[in-house]
Amino acid sequence: MVAPRVVAQGGAAEDMQRWYVVHTHAASEERARVNLERQGFHAWLPLCRRRRRHARKLEVVCRPLFPRYLFVRLDLDTDRWRPILSTFGVADMIGSTAGPVPVPSRVIDGLTARAGSDGIFDLEPTPFKPGEPVRIAGGPFAELEGIFEAQSDDARVQILLRLMGRSVRVTVAAMDVEAT
């Protein structure tokens, strides 16, 4: 699915529409998106390409960028949003007791800017090679230095840290690792 156009088309009703987060049941993101669109809602399920090994073959598949979440665009003042809660595949909407809370437009703008021309995110593998010294810049191991060992998946890496006189393997977010 192509990334949504965030620029308003000029209509007064469309100017009031905002993006909201829908929490889905496990592995039901696509089902929820289809059912929401059948009801006339504008839903966006950001997808990313991931490598998957299946039956001894390496293949590229599209998976949700945010597992169990998707976005829906609506105007809370004019759109009937409560049917979203009873849609097949939907667990809830993110919000407070007063109702759904909109996603800041800068978040959606940032996401759409990073999506590829086909609307799918290409997550780049880490630029580090095994054995290379690295520093952890964020998270619980912030400011510690270690040796890059391997990439776990598209979002996590394994680092060997020297703690209490021995090497300890930790898995951290890839975005929290930088070269020393």
C-alpha atoms as a PDB file:
ATOM      1  CA  MET A   1       0.000   0.000   0.000  1.00  0.00           C
ATOM      2  CA  VAL A   2       1.278   3.452  -0.877  1.00  0.00           C
ATOM      3  CA  ALA A   3       2.083   5.927   1.896  1.00  0.00           C
ATOM      4  CA  PRO A   4      -0.768   8.361   2.547  1.00  0.00           C
ATOM      5  CA  ARG A   5      -0.857  11.865   1.181  1.00  0.00           C
ATOM      6  CA  VAL A   6      -0.742  14.124   4.188  1.00  0.00           C
ATOM      7  CA  VAL A   7      -1.372  17.382   2.358  1.00  0.00           C
ATOM      8  CA  ALA A   8      -4.985  18.507   2.671  1.00  0.00           C
ATOM      9  CA  GLN A   9      -6.917  18.850  -0.569  1.00  0.00           C
ATOM     10  CA  GLY A  10      -8.452  22.151   0.442  1.00  0.00           C
ATOM     11  CA  GLY A  11     -11.838  20.989   1.748  1.00  0.00           C
ATOM     12  CA  ALA A  12     -12.848  22.266   5.181  1.00  0.00           C
ATOM     13  CA  ALA A  13     -13.790  18.772   6.351  1.00  0.00           C
ATOM     14  CA  GLU A  14     -10.464  17.332   5.247  1.00  0.00           C
ATOM     15  CA  ASP A  15      -8.559  20.082   7.094  1.00  0.00           C
ATOM     16  CA  MET A  16      -9.998  18.775  10.376  1.00  0.00           C
ATOM     17  CA  GLN A  17      -9.001  15.167   9.760  1.00  0.00           C
ATOM     18  CA  ARG A  18      -6.169  13.858  11.874  1.00  0.00           C
ATOM     19  CA  TRP A  19      -4.353  10.539  12.131  1.00  0.00           C
ATOM     20  CA  TYR A  20      -5.103   8.157  15.003  1.00  0.00           C
ATOM     21  CA  VAL A  21      -3.506   4.871  16.018  1.00  0.00           C
ATOM     22  CA  VAL A  22      -5.512   1.655  15.906  1.00  0.00           C
ATOM     23  CA  HIS A  23      -4.290  -1.301  17.980  1.00  0.00           C
ATOM     24  CA  THR A  24      -5.024  -4.592  16.225  1.00  0.00           C
ATOM     25  CA  HIS A  25      -5.223  -8.201  17.310  1.00  0.00           C
ATOM     26  CA  ALA A  26      -2.085 -10.282  16.799  1.00  0.00           C
ATOM     27  CA  ALA A  27      -1.243 -10.769  13.102  1.00  0.00           C
ATOM     28  CA  SER A  28      -4.505  -9.017  12.087  1.00  0.00           C
ATOM     29  CA  GLU A  29      -3.151  -5.718  10.777  1.00  0.00           C
ATOM     30  CA  GLU A  30      -4.109  -6.377   7.146  1.00  0.00           C
ATOM     31  CA  ARG A  31      -7.498  -7.783   8.121  1.00  0.00           C
ATOM     32  CA  ALA A  32      -8.224  -4.674  10.201  1.00  0.00           C
ATOM     33  CA  ARG A  33      -7.072  -2.357   7.383  1.00  0.00           C
ATOM     34  CA  VAL A  34      -9.296  -4.050   4.818  1.00  0.00           C
ATOM     35  CA  ASN A  35     -12.318  -4.024   7.127  1.00  0.00           C
ATOM     36  CA  LEU A  36     -11.803  -0.365   8.040  1.00  0.00           C
ATOM     37  CA  GLU A  37     -11.576   0.621   4.379  1.00  0.00           C
ATOM     38  CA  ARG A  38     -14.747  -1.356   3.615  1.00  0.00           C
ATOM     39  CA  GLN A  39     -16.478   0.861   6.179  1.00  0.00           C
ATOM     40  CA  GLY A  40     -15.231   3.996   4.425  1.00  0.00           C
ATOM     41  CA  PHE A  41     -12.351   4.879   6.750  1.00  0.00           C
ATOM     42  CA  HIS A  42      -8.965   5.978   5.372  1.00  0.00           C
ATOM     43  CA  ALA A  43      -6.550   3.450   6.895  1.00  0.00           C
ATOM     44  CA  TRP A  44      -2.768   3.250   6.467  1.00  0.00           C
ATOM     45  CA  LEU A  45      -0.696   0.207   7.352  1.00  0.00           C
ATOM     46  CA  PRO A  46       3.010   1.083   6.997  1.00  0.00           C
ATOM     47  CA  LEU A  47       4.920  -1.920   5.632  1.00  0.00           C
ATOM     48  CA  CYS A  48       8.610  -2.726   5.514  1.00  0.00           C
ATOM     49  CA  ARG A  49      10.601  -5.260   3.569  1.00  0.00           C
ATOM     50  CA  ARG A  50      12.243  -7.991   5.620  1.00  0.00           C
ATOM     51  CA  ARG A  51      14.382 -10.930   4.693  1.00  0.00           C
ATOM     52  CA  ARG A  52      12.965 -14.280   5.762  1.00  0.00           C
ATOM     53  CA  ARG A  53      14.496 -17.716   5.570  1.00  0.00           C
ATOM     54  CA  HIS A  54      11.856 -20.311   4.769  1.00  0.00           C
ATOM     55  CA  ALA A  55      12.400 -23.851   3.506  1.00  0.00           C
ATOM     56  CA  ARG A  56      16.120 -23.142   3.031  1.00  0.00           C
ATOM     57  CA  LYS A  57      15.355 -20.186   0.809  1.00  0.00           C
ATOM     58  CA  LEU A  58      15.932 -16.537   1.556  1.00  0.00           C
ATOM     59  CA  GLU A  59      13.007 -14.396   0.443  1.00  0.00           C
ATOM     60  CA  VAL A  60      11.935 -10.802   0.912  1.00  0.00           C
ATOM     61  CA  VAL A  61       8.493 -10.306   2.444  1.00  0.00           C
ATOM     62  CA  CYS A  62       6.491  -7.245   3.470  1.00  0.00           C
ATOM     63  CA  ARG A  63       5.655  -7.047   7.153  1.00  0.00           C
ATOM     64  CA  PRO A  64       4.009  -4.302   9.238  1.00  0.00           C
ATOM     65  CA  LEU A  65       6.495  -1.627  10.272  1.00  0.00           C
ATOM     66  CA  PHE A  66       4.680  -1.408  13.613  1.00  0.00           C
ATOM     67  CA  PRO A  67       3.364  -4.901  14.430  1.00  0.00           C
ATOM     68  CA  ARG A  68      -0.219  -4.782  15.813  1.00  0.00           C
ATOM     69  CA  TYR A  69      -0.695  -1.091  14.871  1.00  0.00           C
ATOM     70  CA  LEU A  70      -2.030   0.894  11.945  1.00  0.00           C
ATOM     71  CA  PHE A  71      -3.224   4.457  11.365  1.00  0.00           C
ATOM     72  CA  VAL A  72      -6.687   5.740  10.525  1.00  0.00           C
ATOM     73  CA  ARG A  73      -7.509   9.264   9.348  1.00  0.00           C
ATOM     74  CA  LEU A  74     -10.721  10.860  10.519  1.00  0.00           C
ATOM     75  CA  ASP A  75     -12.403  13.897  12.038  1.00  0.00           C
ATOM     76  CA  LEU A  76     -13.649  13.065  15.536  1.00  0.00           C
ATOM     77  CA  ASP A  77     -16.253  15.860  15.369  1.00  0.00           C
ATOM     78  CA  THR A  78     -17.979  14.672  12.206  1.00  0.00           C
ATOM     79  CA  ASP A  79     -16.982  11.031  11.631  1.00  0.00           C
ATOM     80  CA  ARG A  80     -18.594   8.201  13.532  1.00  0.00           C
ATOM     81  CA  TRP A  81     -15.433   6.616  14.941  1.00  0.00           C
ATOM     82  CA  ARG A  82     -16.900   4.186  17.488  1.00  0.00           C
ATOM     83  CA  PRO A  83     -17.597   1.480  14.834  1.00  0.00           C
ATOM     84  CA  ILE A  84     -13.809   1.181  14.531  1.00  0.00           C
ATOM     85  CA  LEU A  85     -13.785  -0.470  17.963  1.00  0.00           C
ATOM     86  CA  SER A  86     -16.035  -3.329  16.793  1.00  0.00           C
ATOM     87  CA  THR A  87     -14.249  -3.905  13.469  1.00  0.00           C
ATOM     88  CA  PHE A  88     -12.847  -7.411  12.893  1.00  0.00           C
ATOM     89  CA  GLY A  89      -9.122  -7.326  13.565  1.00  0.00           C
ATOM     90  CA  VAL A  90      -9.250  -4.199  15.760  1.00  0.00           C
ATOM     91  CA  ALA A  91      -8.521  -4.494  19.479  1.00  0.00           C
ATOM     92  CA  ASP A  92      -8.709  -0.808  20.484  1.00  0.00           C
ATOM     93  CA  MET A  93      -7.703   2.738  19.610  1.00  0.00           C
ATOM     94  CA  ILE A  94      -4.852   4.474  21.394  1.00  0.00           C
ATOM     95  CA  GLY A  95      -6.167   7.255  23.578  1.00  0.00           C
ATOM     96  CA  SER A  96      -7.487   8.241  26.975  1.00  0.00           C
ATOM     97  CA  THR A  97     -10.837   8.015  28.711  1.00  0.00           C
ATOM     98  CA  ALA A  98     -11.889  11.091  26.713  1.00  0.00           C
ATOM     99  CA  GLY A  99     -11.392   9.237  23.415  1.00  0.00           C
ATOM    100  CA  PRO A 100      -8.699   8.630  20.795  1.00  0.00           C
ATOM    101  CA  VAL A 101      -5.637  10.859  20.883  1.00  0.00           C
ATOM    102  CA  PRO A 102      -4.325  12.139  17.525  1.00  0.00           C
ATOM    103  CA  VAL A 103      -0.824  11.401  16.328  1.00  0.00           C
ATOM    104  CA  PRO A 104       1.218  14.608  15.925  1.00  0.00           C
ATOM    105  CA  SER A 105       1.346  15.515  12.234  1.00  0.00           C
ATOM    106  CA  ARG A 106       5.162  15.717  12.348  1.00  0.00           C
ATOM    107  CA  VAL A 107       5.271  11.980  13.136  1.00  0.00           C
ATOM    108  CA  ILE A 108       3.170  11.093  10.081  1.00  0.00           C
ATOM    109  CA  ASP A 109       5.142  13.585   7.954  1.00  0.00           C
ATOM    110  CA  GLY A 110       8.395  11.968   9.103  1.00  0.00           C
ATOM    111  CA  LEU A 111       7.127   8.489   8.315  1.00  0.00           C
ATOM    112  CA  THR A 112       5.858   9.368   4.857  1.00  0.00           C
ATOM    113  CA  ALA A 113       9.144  11.150   4.067  1.00  0.00           C
ATOM    114  CA  ARG A 114      11.101   7.983   4.888  1.00  0.00           C
ATOM    115  CA  ALA A 115       8.883   5.613   2.905  1.00  0.00           C
ATOM    116  CA  GLY A 116      10.031   4.502  -0.518  1.00  0.00           C
ATOM    117  CA  SER A 117       8.308   5.559  -3.739  1.00  0.00           C
ATOM    118  CA  ASP A 118       6.054   2.500  -3.436  1.00  0.00           C
ATOM    119  CA  GLY A 119       5.165   3.422   0.170  1.00  0.00           C
ATOM    120  CA  ILE A 120       7.137   0.520   1.629  1.00  0.00           C
ATOM    121  CA  PHE A 121      10.008   1.106   4.031  1.00  0.00           C
ATOM    122  CA  ASP A 122      13.396  -0.385   3.215  1.00  0.00           C
ATOM    123  CA  LEU A 123      15.191  -0.968   6.488  1.00  0.00           C
ATOM    124  CA  GLU A 124      18.907  -0.819   5.936  1.00  0.00           C
ATOM    125  CA  PRO A 125      21.157  -3.376   7.563  1.00  0.00           C
ATOM    126  CA  THR A 126      23.727  -2.155  10.032  1.00  0.00           C
ATOM    127  CA  PRO A 127      26.905  -0.650   8.550  1.00  0.00           C
ATOM    128  CA  PHE A 128      29.151  -2.510  11.040  1.00  0.00           C
ATOM    129  CA  LYS A 129      31.244  -5.607  10.405  1.00  0.00           C
ATOM    130  CA  PRO A 130      31.778  -8.386  12.963  1.00  0.00           C
ATOM    131  CA  GLY A 131      34.747  -7.624  15.219  1.00  0.00           C
ATOM    132  CA  GLU A 132      34.476  -3.856  14.763  1.00  0.00           C
ATOM    133  CA  PRO A 133      34.616  -1.722  17.954  1.00  0.00           C
ATOM    134  CA  VAL A 134      31.379   0.163  18.670  1.00  0.00           C
ATOM    135  CA  ARG A 135      29.842   2.345  21.355  1.00  0.00           C
ATOM    136  CA  ILE A 136      26.291   2.040  22.644  1.00  0.00           C
ATOM    137  CA  ALA A 137      24.742   5.512  22.546  1.00  0.00           C
ATOM    138  CA  GLY A 138      21.354   4.825  24.134  1.00  0.00           C
ATOM    139  CA  GLY A 139      19.370   2.411  26.247  1.00  0.00           C
ATOM    140  CA  PRO A 140      20.403   0.662  29.474  1.00  0.00           C
ATOM    141  CA  PHE A 141      23.972   0.073  28.243  1.00  0.00           C
ATOM    142  CA  ALA A 142      24.538   3.663  27.109  1.00  0.00           C
ATOM    143  CA  GLU A 143      28.157   4.867  26.955  1.00  0.00           C
ATOM    144  CA  LEU A 144      29.596   1.331  27.089  1.00  0.00           C
ATOM    145  CA  GLU A 145      32.008   0.182  24.399  1.00  0.00           C
ATOM    146  CA  GLY A 146      32.090  -3.285  22.936  1.00  0.00           C
ATOM    147  CA  ILE A 147      32.681  -5.384  19.853  1.00  0.00           C
ATOM    148  CA  PHE A 148      30.032  -5.711  17.151  1.00  0.00           C
ATOM    149  CA  GLU A 149      29.142  -9.378  16.778  1.00  0.00           C
ATOM    150  CA  ALA A 150      26.094  -9.761  14.520  1.00  0.00           C
ATOM    151  CA  GLN A 151      22.773  -8.349  13.415  1.00  0.00           C
ATOM    152  CA  SER A 152      19.828 -10.143  15.072  1.00  0.00           C
ATOM    153  CA  ASP A 153      17.137  -8.751  12.789  1.00  0.00           C
ATOM    154  CA  ASP A 154      16.354  -5.466  11.073  1.00  0.00           C
ATOM    155  CA  ALA A 155      16.138  -3.557  14.359  1.00  0.00           C
ATOM    156  CA  ARG A 156      18.554  -5.263  16.781  1.00  0.00           C
ATOM    157  CA  VAL A 157      22.236  -6.122  16.925  1.00  0.00           C
ATOM    158  CA  GLN A 158      24.398  -8.250  19.196  1.00  0.00           C
ATOM    159  CA  ILE A 159      27.337  -6.626  20.946  1.00  0.00           C
ATOM    160  CA  LEU A 160      30.038  -8.262  23.079  1.00  0.00           C
ATOM    161  CA  LEU A 161      30.650  -6.164  26.191  1.00  0.00           C
ATOM    162  CA  ARG A 162      33.474  -6.647  28.665  1.00  0.00           C
ATOM    163  CA  LEU A 163      31.699  -6.667  32.030  1.00  0.00           C
ATOM    164  CA  MET A 164      33.056  -7.877  35.375  1.00  0.00           C
ATOM    165  CA  GLY A 165      36.073  -9.546  33.802  1.00  0.00           C
ATOM    166  CA  ARG A 166      34.236 -11.532  31.141  1.00  0.00           C
ATOM    167  CA  SER A 167      32.619 -11.077  27.750  1.00  0.00           C
ATOM    168  CA  VAL A 168      28.847 -10.746  27.830  1.00  0.00           C
ATOM    169  CA  ARG A 169      26.670 -10.810  24.705  1.00  0.00           C
ATOM    170  CA  VAL A 170      23.863  -8.220  24.762  1.00  0.00           C
ATOM    171  CA  THR A 171      21.203  -7.458  22.181  1.00  0.00           C
ATOM    172  CA  VAL A 172      20.454  -3.758  21.674  1.00  0.00           C
ATOM    173  CA  ALA A 173      18.553  -1.577  19.224  1.00  0.00           C
ATOM    174  CA  ALA A 174      20.630  -1.041  16.070  1.00  0.00           C
ATOM    175  CA  MET A 175      19.866   2.678  16.145  1.00  0.00           C
ATOM    176  CA  ASP A 176      21.561   2.923  19.575  1.00  0.00           C
ATOM    177  CA  VAL A 177      24.935   1.756  18.244  1.00  0.00           C
ATOM    178  CA  GLU A 178      27.600   3.998  16.739  1.00  0.00           C
ATOM    179  CA  ALA A 179      31.209   3.638  15.656  1.00  0.00           C
ATOM    180  CA  THR A 180      33.925   4.495  18.184  1.00  0.00           C
END
